[in-house]
Amino acid sequence: MTDPYKVLGVSPNASDEEIKKAYRALVKQYHPDNYADNPLANLAAEKMKAINEAYDEIQKMRAGGSGQTGSGTYSQSGSSAFAQVRQLINAGSLSEAETLLNRTPVSERTAEWHFLKGVILYRNGWVQDARTEIDTACSMDPYNSEYRSFQQRMNTGSTRSPYGEQGQESFGNCDVCDVCSALMCLNCLCRSGSRC
């Protein structure tokens, strides 16, 4: 692997917050959703993989072999599995991601485990269960801005979830109940003999 600091474009002396900021900016730039139906999609996916691997490597190095990062979100035994779970979520392979995540022993289920479980649940439309997992992640690691940001977006009904996917909870200015109500009304119109 090349120098992970170079991959993220930061100095080895950068603070944890600077590294997170650089990582998030690169994820936003190279996220696969930005390259859907684009001939550069494969290159963007490779770049995302390198970015995730570099970030995980820096987290391991900074942990100094203790198994914990500065924010306490990765365990040494689980960080590569969590990176793989993130990649599967990014690729839309939610059942594979959940299967891999569920292999983590209960005693090793860190804040990141609960966060990733929450993301998967949210993407599958299980909003209440997702909230429970995200709240657990935030309580286990209250200073993690990624978890807090997602929690806030869920609470405000934002349509964007992590990894750039359209959330299941709301669509623009209407929520799922509005969509269901509209479909029921259309169904009634069709049954009443109106031309559909």
Protein backbone atom coordinates (compact mmCIF):
# COMPACT_ATOMS: atom_id res chain seq x y z
CA MET A 1 0.00 0.00 0.00
CA THR A 2 1.22 3.49 -0.76
CA ASP A 3 1.66 6.06 2.01
CA PRO A 4 -1.86 6.46 3.46
CA TYR A 5 -1.19 10.10 4.34
CA LYS A 6 -0.40 10.83 0.69
CA VAL A 7 -3.59 9.09 -0.40
CA LEU A 8 -5.61 11.40 1.84
CA GLY A 9 -3.43 14.39 0.96
CA VAL A 10 -2.48 15.21 4.55
CA SER A 11 0.73 15.49 6.51
CA PRO A 12 1.68 12.71 8.97
CA ASN A 13 1.58 15.50 11.57
CA ALA A 14 -2.06 16.34 10.79
CA SER A 15 -4.52 16.24 13.67
CA ASP A 16 -7.21 13.56 13.86
CA GLU A 17 -9.79 16.19 12.94
CA GLU A 18 -7.78 17.30 9.87
CA ILE A 19 -7.53 13.68 8.75
CA LYS A 20 -11.27 13.14 9.19
CA LYS A 21 -11.98 16.35 7.27
CA ALA A 22 -9.72 15.28 4.38
CA TYR A 23 -11.23 11.80 4.38
CA ARG A 24 -14.80 13.12 4.25
CA ALA A 25 -13.95 15.56 1.46
CA LEU A 26 -12.45 12.76 -0.64
CA VAL A 27 -15.38 10.44 0.06
CA LYS A 28 -17.76 13.19 -1.05
CA GLN A 29 -15.71 13.80 -4.19
CA TYR A 30 -15.23 10.18 -5.27
CA HIS A 31 -18.42 8.59 -3.97
CA PRO A 32 -19.79 6.07 -6.50
CA ASP A 33 -23.18 7.79 -6.57
CA ASN A 34 -21.47 10.79 -8.17
CA TYR A 35 -20.35 8.58 -11.05
CA ALA A 36 -23.48 6.59 -11.80
CA ASP A 37 -23.74 5.97 -15.56
CA ASN A 38 -20.33 7.57 -16.00
CA PRO A 39 -17.39 5.94 -17.79
CA LEU A 40 -15.22 6.92 -14.81
CA ALA A 41 -17.31 4.86 -12.37
CA ASN A 42 -14.70 2.08 -12.09
CA LEU A 43 -11.90 4.56 -11.43
CA ALA A 44 -13.99 6.31 -8.78
CA ALA A 45 -14.70 2.95 -7.10
CA GLU A 46 -10.99 2.12 -7.04
CA LYS A 47 -10.21 5.56 -5.62
CA MET A 48 -12.88 5.08 -2.91
CA LYS A 49 -11.35 1.74 -1.98
CA ALA A 50 -7.89 3.33 -1.68
CA ILE A 51 -9.30 6.21 0.39
CA ASN A 52 -11.06 3.84 2.80
CA GLU A 53 -7.98 1.63 3.13
CA ALA A 54 -5.74 4.66 3.74
CA TYR A 55 -8.06 6.04 6.40
CA ASP A 56 -8.25 2.65 8.15
CA GLU A 57 -4.46 2.29 8.00
CA ILE A 58 -3.95 5.72 9.58
CA GLN A 59 -6.46 4.84 12.31
CA LYS A 60 -4.53 1.62 13.05
CA MET A 61 -1.18 3.41 13.07
CA ARG A 62 -2.46 6.12 15.40
CA ALA A 63 -3.92 3.53 17.72
CA GLY A 64 -0.37 2.35 18.36
CA GLY A 65 -1.47 -1.25 18.53
CA SER A 66 -4.00 -0.58 21.28
CA GLY A 67 -6.89 -1.54 19.07
CA GLN A 68 -8.66 1.80 19.54
CA THR A 69 -8.53 4.98 17.52
CA GLY A 70 -8.56 8.45 18.96
CA SER A 71 -12.35 8.46 18.86
CA GLY A 72 -12.63 4.86 20.04
CA THR A 73 -14.65 3.76 17.05
CA TYR A 74 -12.52 1.02 15.48
CA SER A 75 -11.19 -2.10 17.08
CA GLN A 76 -8.09 -3.59 15.56
CA SER A 77 -9.80 -6.92 14.98
CA GLY A 78 -12.82 -5.30 13.36
CA SER A 79 -11.56 -2.30 11.42
CA SER A 80 -10.87 -4.19 8.18
CA ALA A 81 -14.26 -5.88 8.47
CA PHE A 82 -15.89 -2.49 9.08
CA ALA A 83 -14.08 -1.05 6.06
CA GLN A 84 -15.44 -3.93 4.01
CA VAL A 85 -18.94 -3.32 5.40
CA ARG A 86 -18.65 0.34 4.35
CA GLN A 87 -17.59 -0.71 0.86
CA LEU A 88 -20.52 -3.10 0.59
CA ILE A 89 -22.92 -0.36 1.73
CA ASN A 90 -21.38 1.99 -0.85
CA ALA A 91 -21.93 -0.67 -3.51
CA GLY A 92 -25.56 -1.15 -2.44
CA SER A 93 -24.95 -4.72 -1.23
CA LEU A 94 -26.87 -4.22 1.99
CA SER A 95 -27.62 -7.87 2.75
CA GLU A 96 -23.95 -8.81 2.33
CA ALA A 97 -22.93 -5.86 4.50
CA GLU A 98 -25.39 -6.88 7.21
CA THR A 99 -24.28 -10.52 7.08
CA LEU A 100 -20.65 -9.51 7.52
CA LEU A 101 -21.53 -7.06 10.29
CA ASN A 102 -23.58 -9.64 12.17
CA ARG A 103 -20.56 -11.97 12.33
CA THR A 104 -18.99 -9.58 14.85
CA PRO A 105 -19.18 -11.11 18.32
CA VAL A 106 -21.49 -9.23 20.67
CA SER A 107 -18.55 -8.39 22.96
CA GLU A 108 -16.81 -6.61 20.05
CA ARG A 109 -19.75 -4.52 18.85
CA THR A 110 -18.36 -1.03 19.08
CA ALA A 111 -19.95 2.34 18.38
CA GLU A 112 -18.98 1.93 14.73
CA TRP A 113 -20.75 -1.43 14.60
CA HIS A 114 -23.97 0.20 15.83
CA PHE A 115 -23.51 3.10 13.40
CA LEU A 116 -23.07 0.80 10.41
CA LYS A 117 -26.00 -1.35 11.53
CA GLY A 118 -28.09 1.82 11.76
CA VAL A 119 -27.07 2.89 8.25
CA ILE A 120 -28.05 -0.51 6.84
CA LEU A 121 -31.39 -0.46 8.66
CA TYR A 122 -32.06 3.07 7.45
CA ARG A 123 -31.23 2.21 3.86
CA ASN A 124 -33.62 -0.77 4.12
CA GLY A 125 -36.39 1.50 5.36
CA TRP A 126 -36.36 0.36 9.01
CA VAL A 127 -36.19 3.92 10.33
CA GLN A 128 -37.12 3.34 13.99
CA ASP A 129 -34.66 0.47 14.38
CA ALA A 130 -32.03 2.58 12.62
CA ARG A 131 -32.62 5.41 15.11
CA THR A 132 -32.05 3.02 18.01
CA GLU A 133 -28.70 1.86 16.56
CA ILE A 134 -27.55 5.39 15.69
CA ASP A 135 -28.52 6.63 19.17
CA THR A 136 -26.50 3.77 20.67
CA ALA A 137 -23.48 4.66 18.52
CA CYS A 138 -23.74 8.30 19.58
CA SER A 139 -24.00 7.41 23.25
CA MET A 140 -20.99 5.08 23.00
CA ASP A 141 -18.90 7.68 21.14
CA PRO A 142 -20.50 11.08 21.79
CA TYR A 143 -17.72 13.05 20.09
CA ASN A 144 -17.88 11.29 16.74
CA SER A 145 -19.07 13.89 14.26
CA GLU A 146 -19.99 11.30 11.59
CA TYR A 147 -22.45 9.59 13.93
CA ARG A 148 -23.85 12.88 15.25
CA SER A 149 -24.28 14.26 11.74
CA PHE A 150 -26.25 11.22 10.63
CA GLN A 151 -28.34 11.30 13.79
CA GLN A 152 -29.18 14.94 13.15
CA ARG A 153 -30.09 14.24 9.51
CA MET A 154 -32.40 11.43 10.59
CA ASN A 155 -34.05 13.62 13.21
CA THR A 156 -34.66 16.45 10.75
CA GLY A 157 -35.95 14.12 8.03
CA SER A 158 -33.15 14.90 5.60
CA THR A 159 -33.43 13.02 2.34
CA ARG A 160 -29.74 12.25 2.15
CA SER A 161 -28.23 9.44 4.16
CA PRO A 162 -24.55 8.48 4.46
CA TYR A 163 -22.96 7.13 1.32
CA GLY A 164 -25.16 9.37 -0.80
CA GLU A 165 -28.22 7.16 -0.95
CA GLN A 166 -31.73 8.50 -0.95
CA GLY A 167 -33.18 7.92 2.50
CA GLN A 168 -36.26 5.82 2.99
CA GLU A 169 -37.84 8.15 5.52
CA SER A 170 -38.62 11.19 3.43
CA PHE A 171 -38.62 12.43 -0.13
CA GLY A 172 -38.20 16.15 -0.62
CA ASN A 173 -40.88 17.93 1.38
CA CYS A 174 -43.19 14.94 1.79
CA ASP A 175 -42.74 11.87 3.91
CA VAL A 176 -43.55 8.24 3.30
CA CYS A 177 -47.07 8.70 4.72
CA ASP A 178 -47.75 11.40 2.13
CA VAL A 179 -46.62 9.07 -0.64
CA CYS A 180 -48.79 6.22 0.68
CA SER A 181 -51.79 8.54 1.01
CA ALA A 182 -51.36 9.75 -2.55
CA LEU A 183 -51.18 6.18 -3.85
CA MET A 184 -54.32 5.21 -1.93
CA CYS A 185 -56.17 8.19 -3.40
CA LEU A 186 -55.05 7.26 -6.90
CA ASN A 187 -56.19 3.70 -6.32
CA CYS A 188 -59.63 4.95 -5.22
CA LEU A 189 -59.90 7.12 -8.31
CA CYS A 190 -59.07 4.18 -10.55
CA ARG A 191 -61.66 1.95 -8.86
CA SER A 192 -64.40 4.59 -9.03
CA GLY A 193 -64.33 4.47 -12.79
CA SER A 194 -62.21 7.54 -13.32
CA ARG A 195 -59.85 7.24 -16.18
CA CYS A 196 -56.34 6.47 -14.90
